[in-house]
């Protein structure tokens, strides 16, 4: 199951929405045991939604404890009149560092 989640994440990150079944077939061809369940595009979408929910919740928790953060958004429309949006979030949380002291220059 973990391998299928990883393939779904790859599909989402690289915007290869229709490639899930073909990538799984390739993995099976390489000898990877994937079983016979959760091998369709619908399940891929469910896996992608799970990834999104997890990453969104993790980001929320990180931002709640972060001392500083900034947000940058941008959008554009491509040649097929599809709007693309991106949101960058940069944050600093000193509790994630080994040394919590910030040294002046």
PDB file of N, CA and C in Angstrom:
ATOM      1  N   UNK A   1       0.825  -1.187   0.000  1.00  0.00           N
ATOM      2  CA  UNK A   1       0.000   0.000   0.000  1.00  0.00           C
ATOM      3  C   UNK A   1       0.873   1.256   0.000  1.00  0.00           C
ATOM      4  N   UNK A   2       1.989   1.239   0.738  1.00  0.00           N
ATOM      5  CA  UNK A   2       2.853   2.416   0.810  1.00  0.00           C
ATOM      6  C   UNK A   2       3.373   2.792  -0.575  1.00  0.00           C
ATOM      7  N   UNK A   3       3.705   1.798  -1.383  1.00  0.00           N
ATOM      8  CA  UNK A   3       4.222   2.080  -2.727  1.00  0.00           C
ATOM      9  C   UNK A   3       3.164   2.782  -3.568  1.00  0.00           C
ATOM     10  N   UNK A   4       1.907   2.390  -3.398  1.00  0.00           N
ATOM     11  CA  UNK A   4       0.831   3.032  -4.158  1.00  0.00           C
ATOM     12  C   UNK A   4       0.643   4.480  -3.711  1.00  0.00           C
ATOM     13  N   UNK A   5       0.782   4.750  -2.418  1.00  0.00           N
ATOM     14  CA  UNK A   5       0.723   6.132  -1.931  1.00  0.00           C
ATOM     15  C   UNK A   5       1.870   6.954  -2.525  1.00  0.00           C
ATOM     16  N   UNK A   6       3.057   6.360  -2.592  1.00  0.00           N
ATOM     17  CA  UNK A   6       4.207   7.068  -3.147  1.00  0.00           C
ATOM     18  C   UNK A   6       4.007   7.361  -4.630  1.00  0.00           C
ATOM     19  N   UNK A   7       3.436   6.402  -5.366  1.00  0.00           N
ATOM     20  CA  UNK A   7       3.143   6.638  -6.784  1.00  0.00           C
ATOM     21  C   UNK A   7       2.107   7.745  -6.920  1.00  0.00           C
ATOM     22  N   UNK A   8       1.082   7.730  -6.072  1.00  0.00           N
ATOM     23  CA  UNK A   8       0.055   8.771  -6.128  1.00  0.00           C
ATOM     24  C   UNK A   8       0.645  10.142  -5.839  1.00  0.00           C
ATOM     25  N   UNK A   9       1.560  10.217  -4.877  1.00  0.00           N
ATOM     26  CA  UNK A   9       2.219  11.492  -4.569  1.00  0.00           C
ATOM     27  C   UNK A   9       3.019  11.968  -5.784  1.00  0.00           C
ATOM     28  N   UNK A  10       3.740  11.056  -6.425  1.00  0.00           N
ATOM     29  CA  UNK A  10       4.511  11.385  -7.632  1.00  0.00           C
ATOM     30  C   UNK A  10       3.585  11.901  -8.726  1.00  0.00           C
ATOM     31  N   UNK A  11       2.436  11.240  -8.894  1.00  0.00           N
ATOM     32  CA  UNK A  11       1.454  11.647  -9.904  1.00  0.00           C
ATOM     33  C   UNK A  11       0.982  13.075  -9.640  1.00  0.00           C
ATOM     34  N   UNK A  12       0.637  13.368  -8.385  1.00  0.00           N
ATOM     35  CA  UNK A  12       0.133  14.699  -8.041  1.00  0.00           C
ATOM     36  C   UNK A  12       1.207  15.761  -8.223  1.00  0.00           C
ATOM     37  N   UNK A  13       2.406  15.468  -7.740  1.00  0.00           N
ATOM     38  CA  UNK A  13       3.484  16.459  -7.792  1.00  0.00           C
ATOM     39  C   UNK A  13       3.875  16.792  -9.230  1.00  0.00           C
ATOM     40  N   UNK A  14       3.805  15.800 -10.114  1.00  0.00           N
ATOM     41  CA  UNK A  14       4.214  16.007 -11.505  1.00  0.00           C
ATOM     42  C   UNK A  14       3.035  16.206 -12.456  1.00  0.00           C
ATOM     43  N   UNK A  15       1.833  16.346 -11.886  1.00  0.00           N
ATOM     44  CA  UNK A  15       0.614  16.595 -12.663  1.00  0.00           C
ATOM     45  C   UNK A  15       0.432  15.565 -13.779  1.00  0.00           C
ATOM     46  N   UNK A  16       0.559  14.296 -13.441  1.00  0.00           N
ATOM     47  CA  UNK A  16       0.406  13.197 -14.394  1.00  0.00           C
ATOM     48  C   UNK A  16      -0.890  12.441 -14.096  1.00  0.00           C
ATOM     49  N   UNK A  17      -1.996  13.139 -14.078  1.00  0.00           N
ATOM     50  CA  UNK A  17      -3.259  12.601 -13.590  1.00  0.00           C
ATOM     51  C   UNK A  17      -3.672  11.261 -14.205  1.00  0.00           C
ATOM     52  N   UNK A  18      -3.330  11.012 -15.449  1.00  0.00           N
ATOM     53  CA  UNK A  18      -3.798   9.794 -16.111  1.00  0.00           C
ATOM     54  C   UNK A  18      -2.760   8.681 -16.115  1.00  0.00           C
ATOM     55  N   UNK A  19      -1.643   8.849 -15.456  1.00  0.00           N
ATOM     56  CA  UNK A  19      -0.550   7.878 -15.549  1.00  0.00           C
ATOM     57  C   UNK A  19      -0.522   6.847 -14.429  1.00  0.00           C
ATOM     58  N   UNK A  20      -1.396   6.946 -13.447  1.00  0.00           N
ATOM     59  CA  UNK A  20      -1.339   6.073 -12.269  1.00  0.00           C
ATOM     60  C   UNK A  20      -1.336   4.597 -12.637  1.00  0.00           C
ATOM     61  N   UNK A  21      -2.338   4.150 -13.427  1.00  0.00           N
ATOM     62  CA  UNK A  21      -2.426   2.738 -13.779  1.00  0.00           C
ATOM     63  C   UNK A  21      -1.201   2.277 -14.553  1.00  0.00           C
ATOM     64  N   UNK A  22      -0.725   3.112 -15.473  1.00  0.00           N
ATOM     65  CA  UNK A  22       0.444   2.732 -16.275  1.00  0.00           C
ATOM     66  C   UNK A  22       1.712   2.639 -15.433  1.00  0.00           C
ATOM     67  N   UNK A  23       1.869   3.531 -14.485  1.00  0.00           N
ATOM     68  CA  UNK A  23       3.039   3.459 -13.610  1.00  0.00           C
ATOM     69  C   UNK A  23       2.975   2.211 -12.738  1.00  0.00           C
ATOM     70  N   UNK A  24       1.783   1.880 -12.239  1.00  0.00           N
ATOM     71  CA  UNK A  24       1.652   0.655 -11.454  1.00  0.00           C
ATOM     72  C   UNK A  24       1.951  -0.585 -12.295  1.00  0.00           C
ATOM     73  N   UNK A  25       1.505  -0.584 -13.555  1.00  0.00           N
ATOM     74  CA  UNK A  25       1.832  -1.710 -14.446  1.00  0.00           C
ATOM     75  C   UNK A  25       3.338  -1.823 -14.649  1.00  0.00           C
ATOM     76  N   UNK A  26       4.002  -0.704 -14.813  1.00  0.00           N
ATOM     77  CA  UNK A  26       5.456  -0.697 -14.959  1.00  0.00           C
ATOM     78  C   UNK A  26       6.126  -1.237 -13.697  1.00  0.00           C
ATOM     79  N   UNK A  27       5.636  -0.807 -12.544  1.00  0.00           N
ATOM     80  CA  UNK A  27       6.182  -1.304 -11.278  1.00  0.00           C
ATOM     81  C   UNK A  27       6.004  -2.825 -11.170  1.00  0.00           C
ATOM     82  N   UNK A  28       4.825  -3.322 -11.538  1.00  0.00           N
ATOM     83  CA  UNK A  28       4.594  -4.773 -11.524  1.00  0.00           C
ATOM     84  C   UNK A  28       5.550  -5.474 -12.481  1.00  0.00           C
ATOM     85  N   UNK A  29       5.762  -4.876 -13.655  1.00  0.00           N
ATOM     86  CA  UNK A  29       6.694  -5.435 -14.640  1.00  0.00           C
ATOM     87  C   UNK A  29       8.108  -5.536 -14.051  1.00  0.00           C
ATOM     88  N   UNK A  30       8.461  -4.600 -13.192  1.00  0.00           N
ATOM     89  CA  UNK A  30       9.779  -4.622 -12.545  1.00  0.00           C
ATOM     90  C   UNK A  30       9.831  -5.555 -11.342  1.00  0.00           C
ATOM     91  N   UNK A  31       8.733  -6.264 -11.087  1.00  0.00           N
ATOM     92  CA  UNK A  31       8.729  -7.243 -10.020  1.00  0.00           C
ATOM     93  C   UNK A  31       8.236  -6.740  -8.676  1.00  0.00           C
ATOM     94  N   UNK A  32       7.697  -5.537  -8.637  1.00  0.00           N
ATOM     95  CA  UNK A  32       7.183  -4.985  -7.383  1.00  0.00           C
ATOM     96  C   UNK A  32       5.821  -5.612  -7.098  1.00  0.00           C
ATOM     97  N   UNK A  33       5.657  -6.167  -5.918  1.00  0.00           N
ATOM     98  CA  UNK A  33       4.385  -6.768  -5.526  1.00  0.00           C
ATOM     99  C   UNK A  33       3.450  -5.685  -5.019  1.00  0.00           C
ATOM    100  N   UNK A  34       2.437  -5.352  -5.815  1.00  0.00           N
ATOM    101  CA  UNK A  34       1.494  -4.298  -5.462  1.00  0.00           C
ATOM    102  C   UNK A  34       0.111  -4.836  -5.128  1.00  0.00           C
ATOM    103  N   UNK A  35      -0.103  -6.124  -5.300  1.00  0.00           N
ATOM    104  CA  UNK A  35      -1.433  -6.684  -5.077  1.00  0.00           C
ATOM    105  C   UNK A  35      -2.363  -6.301  -6.211  1.00  0.00           C
ATOM    106  N   UNK A  36      -3.643  -6.602  -6.019  1.00  0.00           N
ATOM    107  CA  UNK A  36      -4.620  -6.356  -7.082  1.00  0.00           C
ATOM    108  C   UNK A  36      -5.693  -5.347  -6.686  1.00  0.00           C
ATOM    109  N   UNK A  37      -5.522  -4.653  -5.582  1.00  0.00           N
ATOM    110  CA  UNK A  37      -6.509  -3.662  -5.155  1.00  0.00           C
ATOM    111  C   UNK A  37      -5.904  -2.264  -5.219  1.00  0.00           C
ATOM    112  N   UNK A  38      -6.774  -1.259  -5.256  1.00  0.00           N
ATOM    113  CA  UNK A  38      -6.369   0.150  -5.283  1.00  0.00           C
ATOM    114  C   UNK A  38      -5.467   0.469  -6.476  1.00  0.00           C
ATOM    115  N   UNK A  39      -5.860  -0.010  -7.658  1.00  0.00           N
ATOM    116  CA  UNK A  39      -5.008   0.180  -8.835  1.00  0.00           C
ATOM    117  C   UNK A  39      -5.706   0.993  -9.924  1.00  0.00           C
ATOM    118  N   UNK A  40      -6.637   1.873  -9.532  1.00  0.00           N
ATOM    119  CA  UNK A  40      -7.338   2.672 -10.536  1.00  0.00           C
ATOM    120  C   UNK A  40      -7.208   4.160 -10.219  1.00  0.00           C
ATOM    121  N   UNK A  41      -7.629   4.987 -11.161  1.00  0.00           N
ATOM    122  CA  UNK A  41      -7.498   6.441 -11.024  1.00  0.00           C
ATOM    123  C   UNK A  41      -8.321   6.996  -9.871  1.00  0.00           C
ATOM    124  N   UNK A  42      -9.467   6.385  -9.611  1.00  0.00           N
ATOM    125  CA  UNK A  42     -10.312   6.855  -8.509  1.00  0.00           C
ATOM    126  C   UNK A  42      -9.557   6.708  -7.194  1.00  0.00           C
ATOM    127  N   UNK A  43      -8.943   5.550  -6.983  1.00  0.00           N
ATOM    128  CA  UNK A  43      -8.188   5.334  -5.761  1.00  0.00           C
ATOM    129  C   UNK A  43      -6.979   6.263  -5.701  1.00  0.00           C
ATOM    130  N   UNK A  44      -6.363   6.518  -6.847  1.00  0.00           N
ATOM    131  CA  UNK A  44      -5.239   7.465  -6.884  1.00  0.00           C
ATOM    132  C   UNK A  44      -5.697   8.822  -6.366  1.00  0.00           C
ATOM    133  N   UNK A  45      -6.881   9.255  -6.796  1.00  0.00           N
ATOM    134  CA  UNK A  45      -7.424  10.531  -6.317  1.00  0.00           C
ATOM    135  C   UNK A  45      -7.640  10.535  -4.820  1.00  0.00           C
ATOM    136  N   UNK A  46      -8.104   9.414  -4.280  1.00  0.00           N
ATOM    137  CA  UNK A  46      -8.300   9.309  -2.835  1.00  0.00           C
ATOM    138  C   UNK A  46      -6.957   9.392  -2.113  1.00  0.00           C
ATOM    139  N   UNK A  47      -5.941   8.711  -2.633  1.00  0.00           N
ATOM    140  CA  UNK A  47      -4.602   8.777  -2.042  1.00  0.00           C
ATOM    141  C   UNK A  47      -4.069  10.209  -2.072  1.00  0.00           C
ATOM    142  N   UNK A  48      -4.266  10.894  -3.197  1.00  0.00           N
ATOM    143  CA  UNK A  48      -3.793  12.275  -3.331  1.00  0.00           C
ATOM    144  C   UNK A  48      -4.505  13.173  -2.324  1.00  0.00           C
ATOM    145  N   UNK A  49      -5.817  12.974  -2.146  1.00  0.00           N
ATOM    146  CA  UNK A  49      -6.565  13.745  -1.143  1.00  0.00           C
ATOM    147  C   UNK A  49      -6.009  13.502   0.258  1.00  0.00           C
ATOM    148  N   UNK A  50      -5.664  12.250   0.563  1.00  0.00           N
ATOM    149  CA  UNK A  50      -5.082  11.921   1.880  1.00  0.00           C
ATOM    150  C   UNK A  50      -3.755  12.644   2.077  1.00  0.00           C
ATOM    151  N   UNK A  51      -2.920  12.642   1.029  1.00  0.00           N
ATOM    152  CA  UNK A  51      -1.646  13.364   1.104  1.00  0.00           C
ATOM    153  C   UNK A  51      -1.896  14.843   1.363  1.00  0.00           C
ATOM    154  N   UNK A  52      -2.845  15.422   0.623  1.00  0.00           N
ATOM    155  CA  UNK A  52      -3.143  16.841   0.775  1.00  0.00           C
ATOM    156  C   UNK A  52      -3.631  17.188   2.168  1.00  0.00           C
ATOM    157  N   UNK A  53      -4.518  16.366   2.712  1.00  0.00           N
ATOM    158  CA  UNK A  53      -5.026  16.611   4.059  1.00  0.00           C
ATOM    159  C   UNK A  53      -3.902  16.524   5.092  1.00  0.00           C
ATOM    160  N   UNK A  54      -3.037  15.522   4.943  1.00  0.00           N
ATOM    161  CA  UNK A  54      -1.922  15.375   5.882  1.00  0.00           C
ATOM    162  C   UNK A  54      -0.981  16.579   5.815  1.00  0.00           C
ATOM    163  N   UNK A  55      -0.586  16.963   4.586  1.00  0.00           N
ATOM    164  CA  UNK A  55       0.346  18.083   4.434  1.00  0.00           C
ATOM    165  C   UNK A  55      -0.274  19.394   4.910  1.00  0.00           C
ATOM    166  N   UNK A  56      -1.564  19.580   4.654  1.00  0.00           N
ATOM    167  CA  UNK A  56      -2.246  20.789   5.106  1.00  0.00           C
ATOM    168  C   UNK A  56      -2.275  20.857   6.629  1.00  0.00           C
ATOM    169  N   UNK A  57      -2.602  19.749   7.263  1.00  0.00           N
ATOM    170  CA  UNK A  57      -2.650  19.720   8.728  1.00  0.00           C
ATOM    171  C   UNK A  57      -1.258  19.935   9.325  1.00  0.00           C
ATOM    172  N   UNK A  58      -0.251  19.326   8.722  1.00  0.00           N
ATOM    173  CA  UNK A  58       1.126  19.509   9.209  1.00  0.00           C
ATOM    174  C   UNK A  58       1.554  20.970   9.088  1.00  0.00           C
ATOM    175  N   UNK A  59       1.225  21.600   7.966  1.00  0.00           N
ATOM    176  CA  UNK A  59       1.564  23.008   7.783  1.00  0.00           C
ATOM    177  C   UNK A  59       0.844  23.877   8.818  1.00  0.00           C
ATOM    178  N   UNK A  60      -0.430  23.604   9.074  1.00  0.00           N
ATOM    179  CA  UNK A  60      -1.169  24.368  10.083  1.00  0.00           C
ATOM    180  C   UNK A  60      -0.496  24.262  11.447  1.00  0.00           C
ATOM    181  N   UNK A  61      -0.126  23.051  11.830  1.00  0.00           N
ATOM    182  CA  UNK A  61       0.518  22.853  13.127  1.00  0.00           C
ATOM    183  C   UNK A  61       1.871  23.557  13.181  1.00  0.00           C
ATOM    184  N   UNK A  62       2.648  23.458  12.099  1.00  0.00           N
ATOM    185  CA  UNK A  62       3.946  24.128  12.064  1.00  0.00           C
ATOM    186  C   UNK A  62       3.802  25.639  12.158  1.00  0.00           C
ATOM    187  N   UNK A  63       2.801  26.203  11.468  1.00  0.00           N
ATOM    188  CA  UNK A  63       2.609  27.648  11.501  1.00  0.00           C
ATOM    189  C   UNK A  63       2.124  28.139  12.864  1.00  0.00           C
ATOM    190  N   UNK A  64       1.375  27.298  13.572  1.00  0.00           N
ATOM    191  CA  UNK A  64       0.922  27.679  14.915  1.00  0.00           C
ATOM    192  C   UNK A  64       2.090  27.840  15.877  1.00  0.00           C
ATOM    193  N   UNK A  65       3.140  27.054  15.689  1.00  0.00           N
ATOM    194  CA  UNK A  65       4.282  27.120  16.605  1.00  0.00           C
ATOM    195  C   UNK A  65       5.431  27.963  16.055  1.00  0.00           C
ATOM    196  N   UNK A  66       5.336  28.391  14.811  1.00  0.00           N
ATOM    197  CA  UNK A  66       6.412  29.167  14.208  1.00  0.00           C
ATOM    198  C   UNK A  66       6.471  30.570  14.800  1.00  0.00           C
ATOM    199  N   UNK A  67       7.675  31.056  15.001  1.00  0.00           N
ATOM    200  CA  UNK A  67       7.849  32.425  15.501  1.00  0.00           C
ATOM    201  C   UNK A  67       7.601  33.443  14.396  1.00  0.00           C
ATOM    202  N   UNK A  68       8.017  33.108  13.177  1.00  0.00           N
ATOM    203  CA  UNK A  68       7.900  34.022  12.048  1.00  0.00           C
ATOM    204  C   UNK A  68       7.464  33.240  10.812  1.00  0.00           C
ATOM    205  N   UNK A  69       6.663  33.881   9.955  1.00  0.00           N
ATOM    206  CA  UNK A  69       6.347  33.266   8.671  1.00  0.00           C
ATOM    207  C   UNK A  69       5.943  34.352   7.684  1.00  0.00           C
ATOM    208  N   UNK A  70       6.062  34.016   6.398  1.00  0.00           N
ATOM    209  CA  UNK A  70       5.605  34.912   5.342  1.00  0.00           C
ATOM    210  C   UNK A  70       4.881  34.081   4.299  1.00  0.00           C
ATOM    211  N   UNK A  71       3.956  34.728   3.582  1.00  0.00           N
ATOM    212  CA  UNK A  71       3.143  34.045   2.583  1.00  0.00           C
ATOM    213  C   UNK A  71       3.230  34.826   1.285  1.00  0.00           C
ATOM    214  N   UNK A  72       3.458  34.118   0.193  1.00  0.00           N
ATOM    215  CA  UNK A  72       3.506  34.722  -1.135  1.00  0.00           C
ATOM    216  C   UNK A  72       2.587  33.912  -2.037  1.00  0.00           C
ATOM    217  N   UNK A  73       1.688  34.576  -2.741  1.00  0.00           N
ATOM    218  CA  UNK A  73       0.792  33.881  -3.671  1.00  0.00           C
ATOM    219  C   UNK A  73       0.981  34.443  -5.069  1.00  0.00           C
ATOM    220  N   UNK A  74       0.714  33.608  -6.047  1.00  0.00           N
ATOM    221  CA  UNK A  74       0.813  34.036  -7.436  1.00  0.00           C
ATOM    222  C   UNK A  74      -0.120  33.164  -8.261  1.00  0.00           C
ATOM    223  N   UNK A  75      -0.566  33.669  -9.375  1.00  0.00           N
ATOM    224  CA  UNK A  75      -1.442  32.912 -10.249  1.00  0.00           C
ATOM    225  C   UNK A  75      -1.229  33.298 -11.691  1.00  0.00           C
ATOM    226  N   UNK A  76      -1.568  32.389 -12.579  1.00  0.00           N
ATOM    227  CA  UNK A  76      -1.472  32.668 -14.013  1.00  0.00           C
ATOM    228  C   UNK A  76      -2.445  31.757 -14.745  1.00  0.00           C
ATOM    229  N   UNK A  77      -2.689  32.066 -15.992  1.00  0.00           N
ATOM    230  CA  UNK A  77      -3.544  31.242 -16.839  1.00  0.00           C
ATOM    231  C   UNK A  77      -2.695  30.721 -17.978  1.00  0.00           C
ATOM    232  N   UNK A  78      -2.749  29.400 -18.210  1.00  0.00           N
ATOM    233  CA  UNK A  78      -1.940  28.829 -19.281  1.00  0.00           C
ATOM    234  C   UNK A  78      -2.693  28.857 -20.608  1.00  0.00           C
ATOM    235  N   UNK A  79      -2.108  28.272 -21.639  1.00  0.00           N
ATOM    236  CA  UNK A  79      -2.683  28.351 -22.982  1.00  0.00           C
ATOM    237  C   UNK A  79      -4.030  27.637 -23.103  1.00  0.00           C
ATOM    238  N   UNK A  80      -4.326  26.705 -22.227  1.00  0.00           N
ATOM    239  CA  UNK A  80      -5.616  26.019 -22.279  1.00  0.00           C
ATOM    240  C   UNK A  80      -6.650  26.718 -21.397  1.00  0.00           C
ATOM    241  N   UNK A  81      -6.354  27.949 -20.996  1.00  0.00           N
ATOM    242  CA  UNK A  81      -7.221  28.771 -20.161  1.00  0.00           C
ATOM    243  C   UNK A  81      -7.477  28.081 -18.812  1.00  0.00           C
ATOM    244  N   UNK A  82      -6.467  27.404 -18.325  1.00  0.00           N
ATOM    245  CA  UNK A  82      -6.535  26.786 -17.003  1.00  0.00           C
ATOM    246  C   UNK A  82      -5.768  27.665 -16.043  1.00  0.00           C
ATOM    247  N   UNK A  83      -6.425  28.079 -14.986  1.00  0.00           N
ATOM    248  CA  UNK A  83      -5.776  28.951 -14.016  1.00  0.00           C
ATOM    249  C   UNK A  83      -4.946  28.123 -13.054  1.00  0.00           C
ATOM    250  N   UNK A  84      -3.728  28.549 -12.833  1.00  0.00           N
ATOM    251  CA  UNK A  84      -2.819  27.888 -11.900  1.00  0.00           C
ATOM    252  C   UNK A  84      -2.538  28.851 -10.760  1.00  0.00           C
ATOM    253  N   UNK A  85      -2.587  28.352  -9.554  1.00  0.00           N
ATOM    254  CA  UNK A  85      -2.302  29.153  -8.371  1.00  0.00           C
ATOM    255  C   UNK A  85      -1.193  28.474  -7.585  1.00  0.00           C
ATOM    256  N   UNK A  86      -0.337  29.280  -6.995  1.00  0.00           N
ATOM    257  CA  UNK A  86       0.702  28.744  -6.136  1.00  0.00           C
ATOM    258  C   UNK A  86       0.759  29.597  -4.872  1.00  0.00           C
ATOM    259  N   UNK A  87       0.977  28.933  -3.756  1.00  0.00           N
ATOM    260  CA  UNK A  87       1.113  29.616  -2.474  1.00  0.00           C
ATOM    261  C   UNK A  87       2.409  29.147  -1.844  1.00  0.00           C
ATOM    262  N   UNK A  88       3.323  30.073  -1.609  1.00  0.00           N
ATOM    263  CA  UNK A  88       4.572  29.771  -0.935  1.00  0.00           C
ATOM    264  C   UNK A  88       4.452  30.219   0.514  1.00  0.00           C
ATOM    265  N   UNK A  89       4.861  29.360   1.418  1.00  0.00           N
ATOM    266  CA  UNK A  89       4.875  29.710   2.835  1.00  0.00           C
ATOM    267  C   UNK A  89       6.278  29.427   3.347  1.00  0.00           C
ATOM    268  N   UNK A  90       6.906  30.447   3.848  1.00  0.00           N
ATOM    269  CA  UNK A  90       8.236  30.323   4.437  1.00  0.00           C
ATOM    270  C   UNK A  90       8.098  30.613   5.918  1.00  0.00           C
ATOM    271  N   UNK A  91       8.589  29.677   6.740  1.00  0.00           N
ATOM    272  CA  UNK A  91       8.461  29.901   8.171  1.00  0.00           C
ATOM    273  C   UNK A  91       9.714  29.450   8.894  1.00  0.00           C
ATOM    274  N   UNK A  92       9.892  30.026  10.062  1.00  0.00           N
ATOM    275  CA  UNK A  92      11.046  29.709  10.894  1.00  0.00           C
ATOM    276  C   UNK A  92      10.551  29.320  12.269  1.00  0.00           C
ATOM    277  N   UNK A  93      10.981  28.178  12.714  1.00  0.00           N
ATOM    278  CA  UNK A  93      10.622  27.715  14.038  1.00  0.00           C
ATOM    279  C   UNK A  93      11.902  27.291  14.743  1.00  0.00           C
ATOM    280  N   UNK A  94      12.406  28.103  15.665  1.00  0.00           N
ATOM    281  CA  UNK A  94      13.684  27.795  16.307  1.00  0.00           C
ATOM    282  C   UNK A  94      13.658  26.516  17.139  1.00  0.00           C
ATOM    283  N   UNK A  95      12.470  26.031  17.520  1.00  0.00           N
ATOM    284  CA  UNK A  95      12.436  24.778  18.289  1.00  0.00           C
ATOM    285  C   UNK A  95      12.831  23.583  17.434  1.00  0.00           C
ATOM    286  N   UNK A  96      12.809  23.728  16.112  1.00  0.00           N
ATOM    287  CA  UNK A  96      13.241  22.655  15.221  1.00  0.00           C
ATOM    288  C   UNK A  96      14.757  22.612  15.059  1.00  0.00           C
ATOM    289  N   UNK A  97      15.452  23.634  15.542  1.00  0.00           N
ATOM    290  CA  UNK A  97      16.908  23.711  15.418  1.00  0.00           C
ATOM    291  C   UNK A  97      17.568  23.043  16.618  1.00  0.00           C
ATOM    292  N   UNK A  98      18.772  22.518  16.405  1.00  0.00           N
ATOM    293  CA  UNK A  98      19.513  21.935  17.523  1.00  0.00           C
ATOM    294  C   UNK A  98      19.892  23.010  18.531  1.00  0.00           C
ATOM    295  N   UNK A  99      20.361  24.139  18.041  1.00  0.00           N
ATOM    296  CA  UNK A  99      20.775  25.244  18.892  1.00  0.00           C
ATOM    297  C   UNK A  99      19.721  26.335  18.753  1.00  0.00           C
ATOM    298  N   UNK A 100      18.991  26.617  19.818  1.00  0.00           N
ATOM    299  CA  UNK A 100      17.902  27.577  19.770  1.00  0.00           C
ATOM    300  C   UNK A 100      18.360  29.032  19.775  1.00  0.00           C
ATOM    301  N   UNK A 101      19.632  29.272  19.927  1.00  0.00           N
ATOM    302  CA  UNK A 101      20.127  30.635  19.953  1.00  0.00           C
ATOM    303  C   UNK A 101      20.528  31.069  18.544  1.00  0.00           C
ATOM    304  N   UNK A 102      20.140  32.256  18.188  1.00  0.00           N
ATOM    305  CA  UNK A 102      20.516  32.816  16.893  1.00  0.00           C
ATOM    306  C   UNK A 102      21.698  33.738  17.120  1.00  0.00           C
ATOM    307  N   UNK A 103      22.757  33.459  16.419  1.00  0.00           N
ATOM    308  CA  UNK A 103      23.990  34.245  16.588  1.00  0.00           C
ATOM    309  C   UNK A 103      23.923  35.499  15.712  1.00  0.00           C
ATOM    310  N   UNK A 104      24.249  36.682  16.262  1.00  0.00           N
ATOM    311  CA  UNK A 104      24.319  37.904  15.439  1.00  0.00           C
ATOM    312  C   UNK A 104      25.528  37.823  14.525  1.00  0.00           C
ATOM    313  N   UNK A 105      25.461  38.525  13.401  1.00  0.00           N
ATOM    314  CA  UNK A 105      26.580  38.527  12.446  1.00  0.00           C
ATOM    315  C   UNK A 105      27.771  39.234  12.995  1.00  0.00           C
TER     316      UNK A 105
END
